[in-house]
């Protein structure tokens, strides 16, 4: 069974409180583009992320979350002067710190900057067809022109609210020359 492989560029998930600190009291995210996962979208709002060695612009993904979290690639973390751990989304304990700068204020994150572990989103039905369960770690072969490779350490995340897709970061996408529509296949 083929799985759509999508590149997840650097981005930010924010709490309502941090959103209001950055953009002003009562601010709501403005959806710009729907993402492949149901109910998820890239927002119009952008912030500046500042690390010890530099800064980058980040797009906020909505809707708001229970915790603020930044996801960058290893290359971007190095550019910023951060040592960000490779983790599953949501696992931010003892991760890197940064400053977020918006038009109305700043947020000092004591932790929350991670490199997202590559992962597959699957519904329970998809997982059954793929022969996997939630939290399984698999290998996925990606066939691209001249840069085919097998991604190890790919965690499976199962929920009825997901749509089947694999997410890799920009470093991983570049390594596989994963431009355009790319599919992968679990090879264990």
Protein backbone atom coordinates (compact mmCIF):
# COMPACT_ATOMS: atom_id res chain seq x y z
CA UNK A 1 0.00 0.00 0.00
CA UNK A 2 1.46 3.34 -1.06
CA UNK A 3 1.59 6.26 1.39
CA UNK A 4 1.73 9.90 0.33
CA UNK A 5 4.99 11.45 1.61
CA UNK A 6 4.73 15.14 2.46
CA UNK A 7 7.44 17.62 3.43
CA UNK A 8 6.69 19.43 6.67
CA UNK A 9 8.58 22.73 6.69
CA UNK A 10 9.48 24.56 9.90
CA UNK A 11 6.42 25.77 11.77
CA UNK A 12 4.92 26.75 15.08
CA UNK A 13 1.95 25.50 17.11
CA UNK A 14 0.71 28.02 19.70
CA UNK A 15 -1.61 28.23 22.66
CA UNK A 16 -4.33 30.86 22.63
CA UNK A 17 -2.52 32.71 25.41
CA UNK A 18 0.77 32.85 23.47
CA UNK A 19 -1.10 33.83 20.29
CA UNK A 20 -2.62 36.79 22.13
CA UNK A 21 0.76 37.78 23.58
CA UNK A 22 2.26 37.77 20.07
CA UNK A 23 -0.66 39.34 18.17
CA UNK A 24 -2.84 41.12 20.72
CA UNK A 25 -5.78 40.38 23.02
CA UNK A 26 -8.56 38.35 21.46
CA UNK A 27 -6.58 37.54 18.30
CA UNK A 28 -7.77 34.54 16.29
CA UNK A 29 -5.75 32.67 13.66
CA UNK A 30 -6.59 33.44 10.04
CA UNK A 31 -6.64 30.24 7.94
CA UNK A 32 -4.60 30.58 4.74
CA UNK A 33 -4.29 27.02 3.39
CA UNK A 34 -5.80 23.71 4.48
CA UNK A 35 -3.31 20.94 5.21
CA UNK A 36 -3.72 17.23 4.50
CA UNK A 37 -4.67 16.41 8.09
CA UNK A 38 -8.37 17.14 8.67
CA UNK A 39 -9.01 20.43 10.47
CA UNK A 40 -5.35 21.54 10.25
CA UNK A 41 -4.28 24.64 8.33
CA UNK A 42 -1.42 27.03 7.71
CA UNK A 43 -2.36 30.44 9.08
CA UNK A 44 -1.65 33.88 7.66
CA UNK A 45 0.17 34.78 10.88
CA UNK A 46 3.97 34.50 10.99
CA UNK A 47 6.42 35.15 13.81
CA UNK A 48 10.17 35.49 14.13
CA UNK A 49 11.96 32.77 16.05
CA UNK A 50 15.20 33.87 17.66
CA UNK A 51 18.00 31.57 18.82
CA UNK A 52 21.51 32.29 20.13
CA UNK A 53 23.01 32.55 16.62
CA UNK A 54 20.20 33.79 14.40
CA UNK A 55 16.54 33.96 13.57
CA UNK A 56 14.00 32.48 11.19
CA UNK A 57 10.44 33.28 10.17
CA UNK A 58 7.84 30.68 11.17
CA UNK A 59 4.34 30.04 9.90
CA UNK A 60 1.79 29.23 12.58
CA UNK A 61 -0.29 26.09 12.04
CA UNK A 62 -3.81 26.05 13.39
CA UNK A 63 -5.92 25.50 15.25
CA UNK A 64 -4.41 26.61 18.57
CA UNK A 65 -2.98 23.88 20.80
CA UNK A 66 -2.64 23.03 24.49
CA UNK A 67 1.11 23.76 24.36
CA UNK A 68 3.33 25.97 22.22
CA UNK A 69 5.81 23.98 20.15
CA UNK A 70 8.29 24.81 17.38
CA UNK A 71 9.32 22.22 14.78
CA UNK A 72 12.51 22.81 12.78
CA UNK A 73 14.98 20.67 10.84
CA UNK A 74 18.39 19.78 12.27
CA UNK A 75 20.00 22.19 9.80
CA UNK A 76 17.75 25.03 10.95
CA UNK A 77 18.45 24.22 14.61
CA UNK A 78 22.20 24.47 13.93
CA UNK A 79 21.74 27.78 12.08
CA UNK A 80 19.92 29.11 15.15
CA UNK A 81 22.57 27.76 17.53
CA UNK A 82 20.18 25.28 19.15
CA UNK A 83 20.53 21.65 20.14
CA UNK A 84 17.03 20.41 19.43
CA UNK A 85 16.17 16.77 20.12
CA UNK A 86 14.47 14.51 17.59
CA UNK A 87 11.09 13.81 19.18
CA UNK A 88 7.49 12.96 18.50
CA UNK A 89 5.28 16.01 18.28
CA UNK A 90 4.12 17.01 21.74
CA UNK A 91 7.19 15.59 23.53
CA UNK A 92 8.91 18.86 24.39
CA UNK A 93 10.20 18.22 27.93
CA UNK A 94 13.81 19.38 28.25
CA UNK A 95 13.95 20.47 24.61
CA UNK A 96 15.55 23.66 23.25
CA UNK A 97 14.49 27.18 24.18
CA UNK A 98 13.93 30.22 21.95
CA UNK A 99 12.26 33.60 21.76
CA UNK A 100 9.18 34.13 19.58
CA UNK A 101 8.62 37.68 18.34
CA UNK A 102 5.27 38.86 17.03
CA UNK A 103 3.91 42.27 16.07
CA UNK A 104 2.45 42.88 19.54
CA UNK A 105 4.77 41.05 21.91
CA UNK A 106 7.32 38.36 22.65
CA UNK A 107 7.19 34.87 24.18
CA UNK A 108 10.24 33.30 25.83
CA UNK A 109 9.96 29.53 25.43
CA UNK A 110 11.98 27.77 28.14
CA UNK A 111 11.53 24.56 26.12
CA UNK A 112 9.51 23.53 23.10
CA UNK A 113 11.84 23.48 20.07
CA UNK A 114 12.12 20.00 18.56
CA UNK A 115 13.04 18.26 15.35
CA UNK A 116 9.92 16.25 14.62
CA UNK A 117 10.45 12.51 14.32
CA UNK A 118 9.36 11.37 10.88
CA UNK A 119 5.96 9.78 11.17
CA UNK A 120 2.96 8.29 9.43
CA UNK A 121 -0.55 9.50 10.20
CA UNK A 122 -3.07 6.69 9.74
CA UNK A 123 -6.70 5.99 10.54
CA UNK A 124 -7.43 2.71 12.35
CA UNK A 125 -8.62 1.30 9.01
CA UNK A 126 -5.42 2.40 7.25
CA UNK A 127 -3.31 0.91 10.05
CA UNK A 128 -5.10 -2.42 9.73
CA UNK A 129 -4.50 -2.49 5.96
CA UNK A 130 -0.84 -1.57 6.50
CA UNK A 131 -0.44 -4.20 9.25
CA UNK A 132 0.72 -1.66 11.83
CA UNK A 133 -0.40 -0.31 15.22
CA UNK A 134 -0.11 3.02 17.00
CA UNK A 135 3.49 3.72 18.07
CA UNK A 136 5.00 1.02 15.81
CA UNK A 137 8.34 2.10 14.35
CA UNK A 138 8.80 1.11 10.72
CA UNK A 139 11.02 1.64 7.70
CA UNK A 140 9.61 3.34 4.61
CA UNK A 141 11.10 3.04 1.14
CA UNK A 142 10.73 6.17 -0.95
CA UNK A 143 11.29 5.92 -4.70
CA UNK A 144 12.44 9.18 -6.26
CA UNK A 145 14.45 9.91 -9.40
CA UNK A 146 18.07 9.22 -8.55
CA UNK A 147 17.73 9.55 -4.73
CA UNK A 148 15.59 6.58 -3.60
CA UNK A 149 16.16 5.66 0.01
CA UNK A 150 14.74 3.89 3.04
CA UNK A 151 13.74 6.03 6.02
CA UNK A 152 14.17 4.12 9.27
CA UNK A 153 12.81 5.16 12.66
CA UNK A 154 9.42 6.19 11.29
CA UNK A 155 6.78 6.19 14.01
CA UNK A 156 3.18 5.28 13.19
CA UNK A 157 0.48 7.46 14.76
CA UNK A 158 -3.07 6.13 14.58
CA UNK A 159 -6.25 8.16 15.12
CA UNK A 160 -9.69 8.30 13.51
CA UNK A 161 -9.08 12.02 12.98
CA UNK A 162 -6.05 11.50 10.70
CA UNK A 163 -5.68 11.15 6.94
CA UNK A 164 -3.06 8.71 5.62
CA UNK A 165 0.23 10.54 5.00
CA UNK A 166 3.89 10.38 6.00
CA UNK A 167 5.59 13.58 7.17
CA UNK A 168 9.31 14.24 6.77
CA UNK A 169 11.20 17.48 7.39
CA UNK A 170 13.03 19.57 4.80
CA UNK A 171 16.42 17.93 5.45
CA UNK A 172 14.90 14.50 4.86
CA UNK A 173 13.01 15.72 1.81
CA UNK A 174 16.19 17.12 0.28
CA UNK A 175 18.10 13.89 0.98
CA UNK A 176 15.48 11.96 -1.00
CA UNK A 177 14.93 14.64 -3.69
CA UNK A 178 11.27 14.39 -2.71
CA UNK A 179 9.88 17.13 -4.95
CA UNK A 180 6.31 17.02 -6.22
CA UNK A 181 4.05 14.09 -5.42
CA UNK A 182 6.02 11.30 -3.75
CA UNK A 183 4.88 7.99 -2.32
CA UNK A 184 6.48 5.58 0.11
CA UNK A 185 5.93 1.97 1.10
CA UNK A 186 6.49 0.29 4.45
CA UNK A 187 9.26 -2.29 4.16
CA UNK A 188 9.78 -2.79 7.92
